[in-house]
Amino acid sequence: MEDKIRFWQQNLQATTGEVLALCKGLDSALLNTRPAPGSWSLAEILQHLIQITQSYYPIIDSIRQGEYKPGWLGRRTFMTRFFGNFILQSSMPDHKRKVKTMYPWLPEETSYSPEIVEDYRRERERFISFIGDCKDLLEKGTIIHSPASKRVTYTLERGFDIIVAHEKRHLQQAQETLTLVSNEQSSD
């Protein structure tokens, strides 16, 4: 399990480094510009990624306090495997279909200060450490529900796989967004 933990941590560190390099020196205007109606700005992408990882903490806290109940579906190995694999596939960077974001993870429609980049960096450090702190739960094959829906269950291990893939997917989105926004501003 230590190899898997190291894999997740190294992937998140690498993706975080790329995101931070991408956002380095950007002003509030660039961070908050949407390339098209209905798409997200760089700041909104960062806020979304922060919200995703923060939504896992209460679930793990409830497991550690002995208050967590996986529900009926969480006791069905087939369903847990199905949901985990389905979500992982839809989170992969090469998945072409756009996936609608669940309500708890929608960024607020607001303007963010450049501090959002530092907030993202701090949250990634916290989450990378958090992954290591979950070693005991990973070794037990702990089943969790999605922070967005108690009806969707998967292993904590699959949850970390999903987060790593999801982060890479949004790195691509951020790169595309910056290109579009930069091109738009240079043509003005």
C-alpha atoms as a PDB file:
ATOM      1  CA  MET A   1       0.000   0.000   0.000  1.00  0.00           C
ATOM      2  CA  GLU A   2       2.933   2.327   0.607  1.00  0.00           C
ATOM      3  CA  ASP A   3       3.789   2.252  -3.112  1.00  0.00           C
ATOM      4  CA  LYS A   4       0.235   3.226  -4.002  1.00  0.00           C
ATOM      5  CA  ILE A   5       0.245   6.055  -1.439  1.00  0.00           C
ATOM      6  CA  ARG A   6       3.544   7.323  -2.837  1.00  0.00           C
ATOM      7  CA  PHE A   7       2.090   7.107  -6.376  1.00  0.00           C
ATOM      8  CA  TRP A   8      -0.937   9.270  -5.453  1.00  0.00           C
ATOM      9  CA  GLN A   9       1.187  11.751  -3.536  1.00  0.00           C
ATOM     10  CA  GLN A  10       3.773  12.100  -6.305  1.00  0.00           C
ATOM     11  CA  ASN A  11       1.090  12.499  -8.977  1.00  0.00           C
ATOM     12  CA  LEU A  12      -0.708  15.180  -6.978  1.00  0.00           C
ATOM     13  CA  GLN A  13       2.583  16.965  -6.276  1.00  0.00           C
ATOM     14  CA  ALA A  14       3.438  16.936  -9.979  1.00  0.00           C
ATOM     15  CA  THR A  15       0.000  18.134 -11.062  1.00  0.00           C
ATOM     16  CA  THR A  16       0.022  20.802  -8.363  1.00  0.00           C
ATOM     17  CA  GLY A  17       3.408  22.014  -9.590  1.00  0.00           C
ATOM     18  CA  GLU A  18       2.095  22.273 -13.143  1.00  0.00           C
ATOM     19  CA  VAL A  19      -1.015  24.151 -12.023  1.00  0.00           C
ATOM     20  CA  LEU A  20       1.043  26.566  -9.928  1.00  0.00           C
ATOM     21  CA  ALA A  21       3.448  27.187 -12.818  1.00  0.00           C
ATOM     22  CA  LEU A  22       0.483  27.794 -15.117  1.00  0.00           C
ATOM     23  CA  CYS A  23      -1.053  30.327 -12.722  1.00  0.00           C
ATOM     24  CA  LYS A  24       2.189  32.037 -11.671  1.00  0.00           C
ATOM     25  CA  GLY A  25       1.952  35.793 -11.980  1.00  0.00           C
ATOM     26  CA  LEU A  26      -1.598  35.838 -13.325  1.00  0.00           C
ATOM     27  CA  ASP A  27      -3.668  38.780 -12.219  1.00  0.00           C
ATOM     28  CA  SER A  28      -7.243  38.677 -10.998  1.00  0.00           C
ATOM     29  CA  ALA A  29      -8.611  39.509 -14.449  1.00  0.00           C
ATOM     30  CA  LEU A  30      -6.922  36.538 -16.134  1.00  0.00           C
ATOM     31  CA  LEU A  31      -7.774  34.188 -13.286  1.00  0.00           C
ATOM     32  CA  ASN A  32     -11.453  35.150 -13.398  1.00  0.00           C
ATOM     33  CA  THR A  33     -12.040  35.346 -17.157  1.00  0.00           C
ATOM     34  CA  ARG A  34     -14.236  32.631 -18.592  1.00  0.00           C
ATOM     35  CA  PRO A  35     -13.231  31.634 -22.112  1.00  0.00           C
ATOM     36  CA  ALA A  36     -16.879  31.116 -23.096  1.00  0.00           C
ATOM     37  CA  PRO A  37     -20.318  31.305 -21.504  1.00  0.00           C
ATOM     38  CA  GLY A  38     -20.966  28.211 -19.398  1.00  0.00           C
ATOM     39  CA  SER A  39     -17.278  27.395 -18.993  1.00  0.00           C
ATOM     40  CA  TRP A  40     -15.153  27.961 -15.919  1.00  0.00           C
ATOM     41  CA  SER A  41     -12.399  30.443 -15.297  1.00  0.00           C
ATOM     42  CA  LEU A  42      -9.028  29.305 -13.939  1.00  0.00           C
ATOM     43  CA  ALA A  43     -10.050  30.527 -10.485  1.00  0.00           C
ATOM     44  CA  GLU A  44     -13.275  28.516 -10.636  1.00  0.00           C
ATOM     45  CA  ILE A  45     -11.334  25.393 -11.623  1.00  0.00           C
ATOM     46  CA  LEU A  46      -9.039  25.876  -8.621  1.00  0.00           C
ATOM     47  CA  GLN A  47     -11.985  26.453  -6.281  1.00  0.00           C
ATOM     48  CA  HIS A  48     -13.673  23.301  -7.603  1.00  0.00           C
ATOM     49  CA  LEU A  49     -10.539  21.231  -6.956  1.00  0.00           C
ATOM     50  CA  ILE A  50     -10.289  22.630  -3.429  1.00  0.00           C
ATOM     51  CA  GLN A  51     -13.937  21.765  -2.753  1.00  0.00           C
ATOM     52  CA  ILE A  52     -13.496  18.199  -4.030  1.00  0.00           C
ATOM     53  CA  THR A  53     -10.684  17.268  -1.666  1.00  0.00           C
ATOM     54  CA  GLN A  54     -12.185  19.127   1.290  1.00  0.00           C
ATOM     55  CA  SER A  55     -15.379  17.114   0.899  1.00  0.00           C
ATOM     56  CA  TYR A  56     -13.534  13.891   1.785  1.00  0.00           C
ATOM     57  CA  TYR A  57     -12.381  15.011   5.248  1.00  0.00           C
ATOM     58  CA  PRO A  58     -15.776  14.733   7.014  1.00  0.00           C
ATOM     59  CA  ILE A  59     -16.287  11.194   5.692  1.00  0.00           C
ATOM     60  CA  ILE A  60     -12.922  10.023   6.996  1.00  0.00           C
ATOM     61  CA  ASP A  61     -13.535  11.848  10.290  1.00  0.00           C
ATOM     62  CA  SER A  62     -16.837  10.000  10.726  1.00  0.00           C
ATOM     63  CA  ILE A  63     -15.097   6.658   9.986  1.00  0.00           C
ATOM     64  CA  ARG A  64     -12.407   7.403  12.563  1.00  0.00           C
ATOM     65  CA  GLN A  65     -15.059   8.361  15.146  1.00  0.00           C
ATOM     66  CA  GLY A  66     -16.949   5.113  14.505  1.00  0.00           C
ATOM     67  CA  GLU A  67     -20.031   6.978  13.270  1.00  0.00           C
ATOM     68  CA  TYR A  68     -19.857   6.049   9.581  1.00  0.00           C
ATOM     69  CA  LYS A  69     -22.310   3.606   8.054  1.00  0.00           C
ATOM     70  CA  PRO A  70     -21.640   2.574   4.445  1.00  0.00           C
ATOM     71  CA  GLY A  71     -25.333   1.963   3.740  1.00  0.00           C
ATOM     72  CA  TRP A  72     -26.904  -0.903   1.851  1.00  0.00           C
ATOM     73  CA  LEU A  73     -24.998  -0.318  -1.399  1.00  0.00           C
ATOM     74  CA  GLY A  74     -21.691  -0.052   0.440  1.00  0.00           C
ATOM     75  CA  ARG A  75     -22.105  -3.680   1.469  1.00  0.00           C
ATOM     76  CA  ARG A  76     -22.579  -4.809  -2.150  1.00  0.00           C
ATOM     77  CA  THR A  77     -19.135  -5.468  -3.617  1.00  0.00           C
ATOM     78  CA  PHE A  78     -20.445  -5.487  -7.174  1.00  0.00           C
ATOM     79  CA  MET A  79     -22.044  -2.040  -6.831  1.00  0.00           C
ATOM     80  CA  THR A  80     -19.021  -0.591  -5.065  1.00  0.00           C
ATOM     81  CA  ARG A  81     -16.736  -1.841  -7.832  1.00  0.00           C
ATOM     82  CA  PHE A  82     -19.169  -0.667 -10.551  1.00  0.00           C
ATOM     83  CA  PHE A  83     -19.514   2.875  -9.168  1.00  0.00           C
ATOM     84  CA  GLY A  84     -15.786   3.230  -8.507  1.00  0.00           C
ATOM     85  CA  ASN A  85     -14.806   2.084 -11.982  1.00  0.00           C
ATOM     86  CA  PHE A  86     -17.500   4.168 -13.676  1.00  0.00           C
ATOM     87  CA  ILE A  87     -16.497   7.372 -11.890  1.00  0.00           C
ATOM     88  CA  LEU A  88     -12.806   6.707 -12.452  1.00  0.00           C
ATOM     89  CA  GLN A  89     -13.359   6.268 -16.201  1.00  0.00           C
ATOM     90  CA  SER A  90     -15.382   9.483 -16.426  1.00  0.00           C
ATOM     91  CA  SER A  91     -12.658  11.356 -14.492  1.00  0.00           C
ATOM     92  CA  MET A  92      -9.798  10.310 -16.748  1.00  0.00           C
ATOM     93  CA  PRO A  93      -8.054  13.080 -18.696  1.00  0.00           C
ATOM     94  CA  ASP A  94      -8.728  11.313 -22.010  1.00  0.00           C
ATOM     95  CA  HIS A  95     -12.479  10.942 -21.361  1.00  0.00           C
ATOM     96  CA  LYS A  96     -14.017  13.110 -24.091  1.00  0.00           C
ATOM     97  CA  ARG A  97     -17.555  13.539 -22.800  1.00  0.00           C
ATOM     98  CA  LYS A  98     -18.136  16.498 -20.547  1.00  0.00           C
ATOM     99  CA  VAL A  99     -19.383  15.412 -17.121  1.00  0.00           C
ATOM    100  CA  LYS A 100     -21.850  17.551 -15.208  1.00  0.00           C
ATOM    101  CA  THR A 101     -20.474  18.619 -11.843  1.00  0.00           C
ATOM    102  CA  MET A 102     -22.458  17.611  -8.777  1.00  0.00           C
ATOM    103  CA  TYR A 103     -23.891  20.460  -6.703  1.00  0.00           C
ATOM    104  CA  PRO A 104     -21.552  20.273  -3.690  1.00  0.00           C
ATOM    105  CA  TRP A 105     -18.564  20.835  -5.956  1.00  0.00           C
ATOM    106  CA  LEU A 106     -19.828  23.720  -8.081  1.00  0.00           C
ATOM    107  CA  PRO A 107     -17.700  26.814  -7.550  1.00  0.00           C
ATOM    108  CA  GLU A 108     -19.556  29.922  -6.486  1.00  0.00           C
ATOM    109  CA  GLU A 109     -20.249  32.411  -9.219  1.00  0.00           C
ATOM    110  CA  THR A 110     -18.001  35.072  -7.823  1.00  0.00           C
ATOM    111  CA  SER A 111     -14.758  36.809  -8.536  1.00  0.00           C
ATOM    112  CA  TYR A 112     -11.730  35.317  -6.799  1.00  0.00           C
ATOM    113  CA  SER A 113      -8.597  37.139  -5.733  1.00  0.00           C
ATOM    114  CA  PRO A 114      -5.191  35.832  -6.831  1.00  0.00           C
ATOM    115  CA  GLU A 115      -5.030  34.309  -3.312  1.00  0.00           C
ATOM    116  CA  ILE A 116      -7.043  31.372  -4.747  1.00  0.00           C
ATOM    117  CA  VAL A 117      -3.757  30.045  -6.182  1.00  0.00           C
ATOM    118  CA  GLU A 118      -2.178  29.971  -2.715  1.00  0.00           C
ATOM    119  CA  ASP A 119      -5.373  28.441  -1.260  1.00  0.00           C
ATOM    120  CA  TYR A 120      -5.087  25.675  -3.853  1.00  0.00           C
ATOM    121  CA  ARG A 121      -1.416  25.086  -3.011  1.00  0.00           C
ATOM    122  CA  ARG A 122      -2.150  24.861   0.732  1.00  0.00           C
ATOM    123  CA  GLU A 123      -5.081  22.499   0.183  1.00  0.00           C
ATOM    124  CA  ARG A 124      -2.957  20.228  -1.988  1.00  0.00           C
ATOM    125  CA  GLU A 125      -0.263  20.043   0.715  1.00  0.00           C
ATOM    126  CA  ARG A 126      -2.938  19.187   3.277  1.00  0.00           C
ATOM    127  CA  PHE A 127      -4.541  16.542   1.059  1.00  0.00           C
ATOM    128  CA  ILE A 128      -1.227  14.921   0.101  1.00  0.00           C
ATOM    129  CA  SER A 129      -0.462  14.512   3.806  1.00  0.00           C
ATOM    130  CA  PHE A 130      -4.025  13.292   4.431  1.00  0.00           C
ATOM    131  CA  ILE A 131      -3.531  10.451   1.933  1.00  0.00           C
ATOM    132  CA  GLY A 132      -0.590   9.191   3.987  1.00  0.00           C
ATOM    133  CA  ASP A 133      -2.657   9.445   7.165  1.00  0.00           C
ATOM    134  CA  CYS A 134      -5.244   7.083   5.629  1.00  0.00           C
ATOM    135  CA  LYS A 135      -2.858   4.134   5.282  1.00  0.00           C
ATOM    136  CA  ASP A 136      -4.660   2.074   7.944  1.00  0.00           C
ATOM    137  CA  LEU A 137      -8.040   2.620   6.278  1.00  0.00           C
ATOM    138  CA  LEU A 138      -6.631   1.782   2.857  1.00  0.00           C
ATOM    139  CA  GLU A 139      -5.138  -1.469   4.169  1.00  0.00           C
ATOM    140  CA  LYS A 140      -8.570  -2.451   5.531  1.00  0.00           C
ATOM    141  CA  GLY A 141     -10.220  -1.850   2.136  1.00  0.00           C
ATOM    142  CA  THR A 142     -12.486   0.823   3.631  1.00  0.00           C
ATOM    143  CA  ILE A 143     -15.653   1.560   1.668  1.00  0.00           C
ATOM    144  CA  ILE A 144     -16.848   5.162   1.530  1.00  0.00           C
ATOM    145  CA  HIS A 145     -19.691   6.954  -0.167  1.00  0.00           C
ATOM    146  CA  SER A 146     -19.149   9.780  -2.569  1.00  0.00           C
ATOM    147  CA  PRO A 147     -19.192  13.146  -0.827  1.00  0.00           C
ATOM    148  CA  ALA A 148     -21.813  14.154  -3.415  1.00  0.00           C
ATOM    149  CA  SER A 149     -24.186  11.209  -2.867  1.00  0.00           C
ATOM    150  CA  LYS A 150     -24.517   8.558  -0.182  1.00  0.00           C
ATOM    151  CA  ARG A 151     -25.947   6.233  -2.824  1.00  0.00           C
ATOM    152  CA  VAL A 152     -22.638   6.095  -4.691  1.00  0.00           C
ATOM    153  CA  THR A 153     -20.050   3.928  -2.929  1.00  0.00           C
ATOM    154  CA  TYR A 154     -16.509   2.871  -3.710  1.00  0.00           C
ATOM    155  CA  THR A 155     -13.329   1.964  -1.883  1.00  0.00           C
ATOM    156  CA  LEU A 156     -11.213   4.719  -0.407  1.00  0.00           C
ATOM    157  CA  GLU A 157      -8.423   3.439  -2.647  1.00  0.00           C
ATOM    158  CA  ARG A 158     -10.608   3.983  -5.722  1.00  0.00           C
ATOM    159  CA  GLY A 159     -11.542   7.417  -4.343  1.00  0.00           C
ATOM    160  CA  PHE A 160      -7.870   8.454  -4.376  1.00  0.00           C
ATOM    161  CA  ASP A 161      -7.480   7.033  -7.901  1.00  0.00           C
ATOM    162  CA  ILE A 162     -10.452   9.185  -8.939  1.00  0.00           C
ATOM    163  CA  ILE A 163      -9.020  12.325  -7.341  1.00  0.00           C
ATOM    164  CA  VAL A 164      -5.648  11.905  -9.088  1.00  0.00           C
ATOM    165  CA  ALA A 165      -7.305  11.351 -12.490  1.00  0.00           C
ATOM    166  CA  HIS A 166      -9.746  14.206 -11.888  1.00  0.00           C
ATOM    167  CA  GLU A 167      -6.919  16.560 -11.004  1.00  0.00           C
ATOM    168  CA  LYS A 168      -5.116  15.707 -14.258  1.00  0.00           C
ATOM    169  CA  ARG A 169      -8.315  16.226 -16.231  1.00  0.00           C
ATOM    170  CA  HIS A 170      -8.724  19.696 -14.766  1.00  0.00           C
ATOM    171  CA  LEU A 171      -5.053  20.503 -15.394  1.00  0.00           C
ATOM    172  CA  GLN A 172      -5.790  19.983 -19.093  1.00  0.00           C
ATOM    173  CA  GLN A 173      -8.888  22.156 -18.765  1.00  0.00           C
ATOM    174  CA  ALA A 174      -6.852  24.872 -17.031  1.00  0.00           C
ATOM    175  CA  GLN A 175      -4.211  24.782 -19.784  1.00  0.00           C
ATOM    176  CA  GLU A 176      -6.899  25.095 -22.462  1.00  0.00           C
ATOM    177  CA  THR A 177      -8.641  27.872 -20.528  1.00  0.00           C
ATOM    178  CA  LEU A 178      -5.450  29.907 -20.164  1.00  0.00           C
ATOM    179  CA  THR A 179      -4.683  29.536 -23.871  1.00  0.00           C
ATOM    180  CA  LEU A 180      -8.172  30.704 -24.855  1.00  0.00           C
ATOM    181  CA  VAL A 181      -8.231  33.584 -22.370  1.00  0.00           C
ATOM    182  CA  SER A 182      -4.707  34.729 -23.305  1.00  0.00           C
ATOM    183  CA  ASN A 183      -5.530  34.620 -27.023  1.00  0.00           C
ATOM    184  CA  GLU A 184      -8.719  36.578 -26.392  1.00  0.00           C
ATOM    185  CA  GLN A 185      -6.916  39.277 -24.407  1.00  0.00           C
ATOM    186  CA  SER A 186      -4.070  39.578 -26.938  1.00  0.00           C
ATOM    187  CA  SER A 187      -6.574  40.072 -29.785  1.00  0.00           C
ATOM    188  CA  ASP A 188      -8.309  42.926 -27.937  1.00  0.00           C
END
